[in-house]
Amino acid sequence: MPHPHPQLIHAKLEKLHPTQITVGKMEVALKRKQWGELGKKARTAALASHWFPAILGPDNKYFIVDHHHFGLALLQEDVGTVSLMLLKDLSWLDPLKFWSVMDHHQWVHPYDSEGTRRDFLTVPCHLTHLQDDPYRSLAGELRRAGGYAKDVTPFSEFLWADFFRSRILPTQITEDFDKAMNRAKKLARSQEARYLPGWCGTVEG
């Protein structure tokens, strides 16, 4: 029995609005590298099979609620149009109510590169204005290395990033990423981390 395909909308990538303040720029660079290794047909197939979950907001602007790293990487690679999957039409709400509803559904993550919650107005209006958070890069790479399991919890990588923020110096990440990763792997299986989504440690009696 065939499965129904989601209803997709085509949109200009440069006009999409983020719903977070930061990304891990190292992760963006990795996605650019992976994209650069694809041939023309593979790129077409990748775009056809990948869609960005989005909310239609005030002034009929689209706000993507996931895949910010891939979106920024594609934008830097001069990709013009992508597919969106519309989750909700909130275009009729005033901006204040819009952000309140977004927050209620965990569709926005207004935390800066220091892990501090900010006003919704500080969320950038363009993907290229996203701040770099090296801890987000560390958390993303740790998940790929099997340090914790992929989880459906919204913004789970940011929860891991905040966990490492008080335990690993930022200079360790920027100056010796491998050493920081080894430290992160040990911390990820500790009892301190057991509240985090995707934790793979062993529960102690």
C-alpha atoms as a PDB file:
ATOM      1  CA  MET A   1       0.000   0.000   0.000  1.00  0.00           C
ATOM      2  CA  PRO A   2       1.583   3.312  -1.057  1.00  0.00           C
ATOM      3  CA  HIS A   3       2.269   5.883   1.631  1.00  0.00           C
ATOM      4  CA  PRO A   4       0.955   9.444   1.082  1.00  0.00           C
ATOM      5  CA  HIS A   5       3.626  12.020   0.333  1.00  0.00           C
ATOM      6  CA  PRO A   6       3.681  15.213   2.414  1.00  0.00           C
ATOM      7  CA  GLN A   7       2.360  18.370   0.783  1.00  0.00           C
ATOM      8  CA  LEU A   8       5.440  20.417   0.018  1.00  0.00           C
ATOM      9  CA  ILE A   9       5.872  24.116  -0.675  1.00  0.00           C
ATOM     10  CA  HIS A  10       8.780  25.553  -2.633  1.00  0.00           C
ATOM     11  CA  ALA A  11      10.391  28.647  -1.169  1.00  0.00           C
ATOM     12  CA  LYS A  12      13.450  30.831  -1.649  1.00  0.00           C
ATOM     13  CA  LEU A  13      16.074  29.752   0.880  1.00  0.00           C
ATOM     14  CA  GLU A  14      17.305  33.301   1.426  1.00  0.00           C
ATOM     15  CA  LYS A  15      13.834  34.398   2.552  1.00  0.00           C
ATOM     16  CA  LEU A  16      13.414  31.777   5.285  1.00  0.00           C
ATOM     17  CA  HIS A  17      13.501  32.944   8.887  1.00  0.00           C
ATOM     18  CA  PRO A  18      15.339  30.996  11.609  1.00  0.00           C
ATOM     19  CA  THR A  19      13.788  30.148  14.977  1.00  0.00           C
ATOM     20  CA  GLN A  20      17.037  29.983  16.931  1.00  0.00           C
ATOM     21  CA  ILE A  21      19.913  32.366  17.572  1.00  0.00           C
ATOM     22  CA  THR A  22      22.928  30.092  17.142  1.00  0.00           C
ATOM     23  CA  VAL A  23      24.350  27.220  15.140  1.00  0.00           C
ATOM     24  CA  GLY A  24      27.610  25.305  15.336  1.00  0.00           C
ATOM     25  CA  LYS A  25      29.650  26.751  12.488  1.00  0.00           C
ATOM     26  CA  MET A  26      31.896  23.664  12.433  1.00  0.00           C
ATOM     27  CA  GLU A  27      28.809  21.564  11.757  1.00  0.00           C
ATOM     28  CA  VAL A  28      27.771  23.934   8.973  1.00  0.00           C
ATOM     29  CA  ALA A  29      31.239  23.559   7.438  1.00  0.00           C
ATOM     30  CA  LEU A  30      30.915  19.761   7.595  1.00  0.00           C
ATOM     31  CA  LYS A  31      27.584  19.873   5.780  1.00  0.00           C
ATOM     32  CA  ARG A  32      29.107  22.135   3.123  1.00  0.00           C
ATOM     33  CA  LYS A  33      31.904  19.603   2.664  1.00  0.00           C
ATOM     34  CA  GLN A  34      29.423  16.750   2.318  1.00  0.00           C
ATOM     35  CA  TRP A  35      27.416  18.770  -0.204  1.00  0.00           C
ATOM     36  CA  GLY A  36      30.555  19.537  -2.183  1.00  0.00           C
ATOM     37  CA  GLU A  37      31.277  15.825  -2.524  1.00  0.00           C
ATOM     38  CA  LEU A  38      27.917  15.155  -4.202  1.00  0.00           C
ATOM     39  CA  GLY A  39      27.482  15.062  -7.961  1.00  0.00           C
ATOM     40  CA  LYS A  40      24.759  16.973  -9.778  1.00  0.00           C
ATOM     41  CA  LYS A  41      22.241  14.104  -9.738  1.00  0.00           C
ATOM     42  CA  ALA A  42      22.911  13.352  -6.086  1.00  0.00           C
ATOM     43  CA  ARG A  43      22.366  17.011  -5.179  1.00  0.00           C
ATOM     44  CA  THR A  44      19.060  17.073  -7.045  1.00  0.00           C
ATOM     45  CA  ALA A  45      17.977  13.891  -5.274  1.00  0.00           C
ATOM     46  CA  ALA A  46      19.041  15.268  -1.893  1.00  0.00           C
ATOM     47  CA  LEU A  47      16.989  18.422  -2.350  1.00  0.00           C
ATOM     48  CA  ALA A  48      14.001  16.433  -3.597  1.00  0.00           C
ATOM     49  CA  SER A  49      14.025  14.156  -0.555  1.00  0.00           C
ATOM     50  CA  HIS A  50      14.759  16.807   2.065  1.00  0.00           C
ATOM     51  CA  TRP A  51      12.206  19.276   3.359  1.00  0.00           C
ATOM     52  CA  PHE A  52      12.310  21.941   6.037  1.00  0.00           C
ATOM     53  CA  PRO A  53       9.494  21.931   8.630  1.00  0.00           C
ATOM     54  CA  ALA A  54       8.108  25.444   8.696  1.00  0.00           C
ATOM     55  CA  ILE A  55       5.506  27.718  10.253  1.00  0.00           C
ATOM     56  CA  LEU A  56       3.785  30.471   8.296  1.00  0.00           C
ATOM     57  CA  GLY A  57       4.055  33.539  10.497  1.00  0.00           C
ATOM     58  CA  PRO A  58       3.149  37.236  10.493  1.00  0.00           C
ATOM     59  CA  ASP A  59       3.486  39.054   7.149  1.00  0.00           C
ATOM     60  CA  ASN A  60       3.301  35.619   5.474  1.00  0.00           C
ATOM     61  CA  LYS A  61       6.921  34.847   6.308  1.00  0.00           C
ATOM     62  CA  TYR A  62       8.104  31.260   6.669  1.00  0.00           C
ATOM     63  CA  PHE A  63       9.930  30.301   9.861  1.00  0.00           C
ATOM     64  CA  ILE A  64      11.856  27.018   9.752  1.00  0.00           C
ATOM     65  CA  VAL A  65      11.862  25.034  13.003  1.00  0.00           C
ATOM     66  CA  ASP A  66      14.634  22.549  12.180  1.00  0.00           C
ATOM     67  CA  HIS A  67      17.614  21.905   9.879  1.00  0.00           C
ATOM     68  CA  HIS A  68      19.178  25.341  10.362  1.00  0.00           C
ATOM     69  CA  HIS A  69      22.688  23.962   9.837  1.00  0.00           C
ATOM     70  CA  PHE A  70      21.798  22.359   6.524  1.00  0.00           C
ATOM     71  CA  GLY A  71      19.892  25.447   5.445  1.00  0.00           C
ATOM     72  CA  LEU A  72      22.832  27.748   6.145  1.00  0.00           C
ATOM     73  CA  ALA A  73      25.214  25.340   4.404  1.00  0.00           C
ATOM     74  CA  LEU A  74      22.996  25.262   1.295  1.00  0.00           C
ATOM     75  CA  LEU A  75      22.694  29.045   1.325  1.00  0.00           C
ATOM     76  CA  GLN A  76      26.487  29.371   1.434  1.00  0.00           C
ATOM     77  CA  GLU A  77      26.623  26.941  -1.484  1.00  0.00           C
ATOM     78  CA  ASP A  78      24.311  29.231  -3.507  1.00  0.00           C
ATOM     79  CA  VAL A  79      21.290  26.934  -3.460  1.00  0.00           C
ATOM     80  CA  GLY A  80      18.257  29.047  -4.307  1.00  0.00           C
ATOM     81  CA  THR A  81      15.080  27.054  -3.657  1.00  0.00           C
ATOM     82  CA  VAL A  82      14.172  24.364  -1.126  1.00  0.00           C
ATOM     83  CA  SER A  83      11.050  22.447  -0.113  1.00  0.00           C
ATOM     84  CA  LEU A  84       9.064  23.246   3.026  1.00  0.00           C
ATOM     85  CA  MET A  85       6.579  21.156   4.943  1.00  0.00           C
ATOM     86  CA  LEU A  86       4.028  23.537   6.469  1.00  0.00           C
ATOM     87  CA  LEU A  87       3.290  22.506  10.055  1.00  0.00           C
ATOM     88  CA  LYS A  88       0.978  25.360  11.006  1.00  0.00           C
ATOM     89  CA  ASP A  89      -0.448  28.600   9.633  1.00  0.00           C
ATOM     90  CA  LEU A  90      -0.042  31.270  12.317  1.00  0.00           C
ATOM     91  CA  SER A  91       0.064  34.185   9.889  1.00  0.00           C
ATOM     92  CA  TRP A  92      -3.062  35.733  11.401  1.00  0.00           C
ATOM     93  CA  LEU A  93      -1.473  36.225  14.838  1.00  0.00           C
ATOM     94  CA  ASP A  94       0.192  39.458  15.925  1.00  0.00           C
ATOM     95  CA  PRO A  95       3.974  39.069  16.471  1.00  0.00           C
ATOM     96  CA  LEU A  96       3.770  38.939  20.292  1.00  0.00           C
ATOM     97  CA  LYS A  97       1.160  36.188  20.281  1.00  0.00           C
ATOM     98  CA  PHE A  98       2.967  34.407  17.447  1.00  0.00           C
ATOM     99  CA  TRP A  99       6.170  34.011  19.462  1.00  0.00           C
ATOM    100  CA  SER A 100       4.198  32.978  22.538  1.00  0.00           C
ATOM    101  CA  VAL A 101       2.559  30.157  20.571  1.00  0.00           C
ATOM    102  CA  MET A 102       5.910  29.183  19.024  1.00  0.00           C
ATOM    103  CA  ASP A 103       7.428  28.979  22.506  1.00  0.00           C
ATOM    104  CA  HIS A 104       4.530  26.871  23.778  1.00  0.00           C
ATOM    105  CA  HIS A 105       5.088  24.314  21.004  1.00  0.00           C
ATOM    106  CA  GLN A 106       8.886  24.398  21.486  1.00  0.00           C
ATOM    107  CA  TRP A 107       9.307  25.696  17.945  1.00  0.00           C
ATOM    108  CA  VAL A 108      11.737  28.432  18.973  1.00  0.00           C
ATOM    109  CA  HIS A 109      15.027  28.335  20.883  1.00  0.00           C
ATOM    110  CA  PRO A 110      15.930  31.936  21.843  1.00  0.00           C
ATOM    111  CA  TYR A 111      19.267  31.207  23.527  1.00  0.00           C
ATOM    112  CA  ASP A 112      22.486  32.995  22.613  1.00  0.00           C
ATOM    113  CA  SER A 113      26.040  31.647  22.267  1.00  0.00           C
ATOM    114  CA  GLU A 114      26.487  31.893  26.048  1.00  0.00           C
ATOM    115  CA  GLY A 115      23.439  29.728  26.667  1.00  0.00           C
ATOM    116  CA  THR A 116      21.423  32.703  27.958  1.00  0.00           C
ATOM    117  CA  ARG A 117      17.762  33.048  27.057  1.00  0.00           C
ATOM    118  CA  ARG A 118      17.066  36.240  25.139  1.00  0.00           C
ATOM    119  CA  ASP A 119      14.044  38.185  23.949  1.00  0.00           C
ATOM    120  CA  PHE A 120      12.313  36.798  20.864  1.00  0.00           C
ATOM    121  CA  LEU A 121      13.237  39.993  19.011  1.00  0.00           C
ATOM    122  CA  THR A 122      16.893  38.910  19.119  1.00  0.00           C
ATOM    123  CA  VAL A 123      16.162  35.864  16.942  1.00  0.00           C
ATOM    124  CA  PRO A 124      17.811  36.750  13.586  1.00  0.00           C
ATOM    125  CA  CYS A 125      15.724  37.475  10.516  1.00  0.00           C
ATOM    126  CA  HIS A 126      18.155  35.676   8.212  1.00  0.00           C
ATOM    127  CA  LEU A 127      20.101  32.411   8.344  1.00  0.00           C
ATOM    128  CA  THR A 128      23.395  34.194   7.652  1.00  0.00           C
ATOM    129  CA  HIS A 129      22.994  36.186  10.881  1.00  0.00           C
ATOM    130  CA  LEU A 130      23.053  33.130  13.148  1.00  0.00           C
ATOM    131  CA  GLN A 131      25.761  33.260  15.848  1.00  0.00           C
ATOM    132  CA  ASP A 132      28.380  30.576  16.264  1.00  0.00           C
ATOM    133  CA  ASP A 133      28.181  28.375  19.348  1.00  0.00           C
ATOM    134  CA  PRO A 134      31.203  26.005  19.454  1.00  0.00           C
ATOM    135  CA  TYR A 135      29.446  23.889  22.086  1.00  0.00           C
ATOM    136  CA  ARG A 136      26.695  23.169  19.566  1.00  0.00           C
ATOM    137  CA  SER A 137      29.370  21.921  17.136  1.00  0.00           C
ATOM    138  CA  LEU A 138      30.778  19.703  19.881  1.00  0.00           C
ATOM    139  CA  ALA A 139      27.346  18.289  20.718  1.00  0.00           C
ATOM    140  CA  GLY A 140      26.601  17.566  17.060  1.00  0.00           C
ATOM    141  CA  GLU A 141      29.885  15.796  16.475  1.00  0.00           C
ATOM    142  CA  LEU A 142      29.479  13.810  19.686  1.00  0.00           C
ATOM    143  CA  ARG A 143      26.103  12.487  18.514  1.00  0.00           C
ATOM    144  CA  ARG A 144      27.585  11.442  15.170  1.00  0.00           C
ATOM    145  CA  ALA A 145      30.370   9.644  17.071  1.00  0.00           C
ATOM    146  CA  GLY A 146      27.814   7.674  19.112  1.00  0.00           C
ATOM    147  CA  GLY A 147      28.257   9.613  22.336  1.00  0.00           C
ATOM    148  CA  TYR A 148      24.491   9.780  22.734  1.00  0.00           C
ATOM    149  CA  ALA A 149      21.512   8.587  20.729  1.00  0.00           C
ATOM    150  CA  LYS A 150      19.483  10.649  18.293  1.00  0.00           C
ATOM    151  CA  ASP A 151      16.350  11.816  20.078  1.00  0.00           C
ATOM    152  CA  VAL A 152      13.096  13.494  19.062  1.00  0.00           C
ATOM    153  CA  THR A 153      13.297  15.975  21.950  1.00  0.00           C
ATOM    154  CA  PRO A 154      13.233  19.485  20.425  1.00  0.00           C
ATOM    155  CA  PHE A 155      16.656  21.133  20.359  1.00  0.00           C
ATOM    156  CA  SER A 156      18.225  18.122  22.097  1.00  0.00           C
ATOM    157  CA  GLU A 157      21.703  19.014  20.796  1.00  0.00           C
ATOM    158  CA  PHE A 158      21.428  22.395  22.519  1.00  0.00           C
ATOM    159  CA  LEU A 159      20.662  20.666  25.819  1.00  0.00           C
ATOM    160  CA  TRP A 160      23.886  18.696  25.430  1.00  0.00           C
ATOM    161  CA  ALA A 161      25.737  21.867  24.431  1.00  0.00           C
ATOM    162  CA  ASP A 162      24.605  23.557  27.646  1.00  0.00           C
ATOM    163  CA  PHE A 163      25.712  20.530  29.657  1.00  0.00           C
ATOM    164  CA  PHE A 164      29.258  20.874  28.309  1.00  0.00           C
ATOM    165  CA  ARG A 165      29.294  24.667  28.638  1.00  0.00           C
ATOM    166  CA  SER A 166      30.206  24.571  32.331  1.00  0.00           C
ATOM    167  CA  ARG A 167      32.499  21.539  32.029  1.00  0.00           C
ATOM    168  CA  ILE A 168      34.705  22.180  28.989  1.00  0.00           C
ATOM    169  CA  LEU A 169      36.475  25.458  28.275  1.00  0.00           C
ATOM    170  CA  PRO A 170      35.624  27.089  24.922  1.00  0.00           C
ATOM    171  CA  THR A 171      39.330  27.358  24.136  1.00  0.00           C
ATOM    172  CA  GLN A 172      39.615  23.571  24.356  1.00  0.00           C
ATOM    173  CA  ILE A 173      37.050  23.236  21.578  1.00  0.00           C
ATOM    174  CA  THR A 174      38.603  25.834  19.307  1.00  0.00           C
ATOM    175  CA  GLU A 175      42.252  24.912  19.949  1.00  0.00           C
ATOM    176  CA  ASP A 176      42.161  21.121  20.391  1.00  0.00           C
ATOM    177  CA  PHE A 177      38.834  19.736  19.205  1.00  0.00           C
ATOM    178  CA  ASP A 178      39.931  16.085  19.479  1.00  0.00           C
ATOM    179  CA  LYS A 179      40.867  16.542  23.121  1.00  0.00           C
ATOM    180  CA  ALA A 180      37.551  18.274  23.790  1.00  0.00           C
ATOM    181  CA  MET A 181      35.743  15.388  22.094  1.00  0.00           C
ATOM    182  CA  ASN A 182      37.485  12.811  24.282  1.00  0.00           C
ATOM    183  CA  ARG A 183      36.474  14.790  27.347  1.00  0.00           C
ATOM    184  CA  ALA A 184      32.897  15.096  26.047  1.00  0.00           C
ATOM    185  CA  LYS A 185      32.638  11.336  25.442  1.00  0.00           C
ATOM    186  CA  LYS A 186      33.551  10.617  29.064  1.00  0.00           C
ATOM    187  CA  LEU A 187      31.167  13.246  30.382  1.00  0.00           C
ATOM    188  CA  ALA A 188      28.367  11.992  28.131  1.00  0.00           C
ATOM    189  CA  ARG A 189      28.310   8.594  29.874  1.00  0.00           C
ATOM    190  CA  SER A 190      28.550  10.035  33.381  1.00  0.00           C
ATOM    191  CA  GLN A 191      25.724   9.983  35.911  1.00  0.00           C
ATOM    192  CA  GLU A 192      25.615  13.779  35.706  1.00  0.00           C
ATOM    193  CA  ALA A 193      24.368  13.512  32.128  1.00  0.00           C
ATOM    194  CA  ARG A 194      21.651  10.922  32.693  1.00  0.00           C
ATOM    195  CA  TYR A 195      18.839  13.533  32.501  1.00  0.00           C
ATOM    196  CA  LEU A 196      19.768  14.425  28.931  1.00  0.00           C
ATOM    197  CA  PRO A 197      17.928  13.076  25.852  1.00  0.00           C
ATOM    198  CA  GLY A 198      19.635  10.100  24.238  1.00  0.00           C
ATOM    199  CA  TRP A 199      21.914   9.375  27.223  1.00  0.00           C
ATOM    200  CA  CYS A 200      23.722   6.049  26.701  1.00  0.00           C
ATOM    201  CA  GLY A 201      25.405   5.601  30.050  1.00  0.00           C
ATOM    202  CA  THR A 202      24.796   2.895  32.642  1.00  0.00           C
ATOM    203  CA  VAL A 203      22.454   3.576  35.540  1.00  0.00           C
ATOM    204  CA  GLU A 204      24.237   3.012  38.823  1.00  0.00           C
ATOM    205  CA  GLY A 205      22.438   1.379  41.735  1.00  0.00           C
END
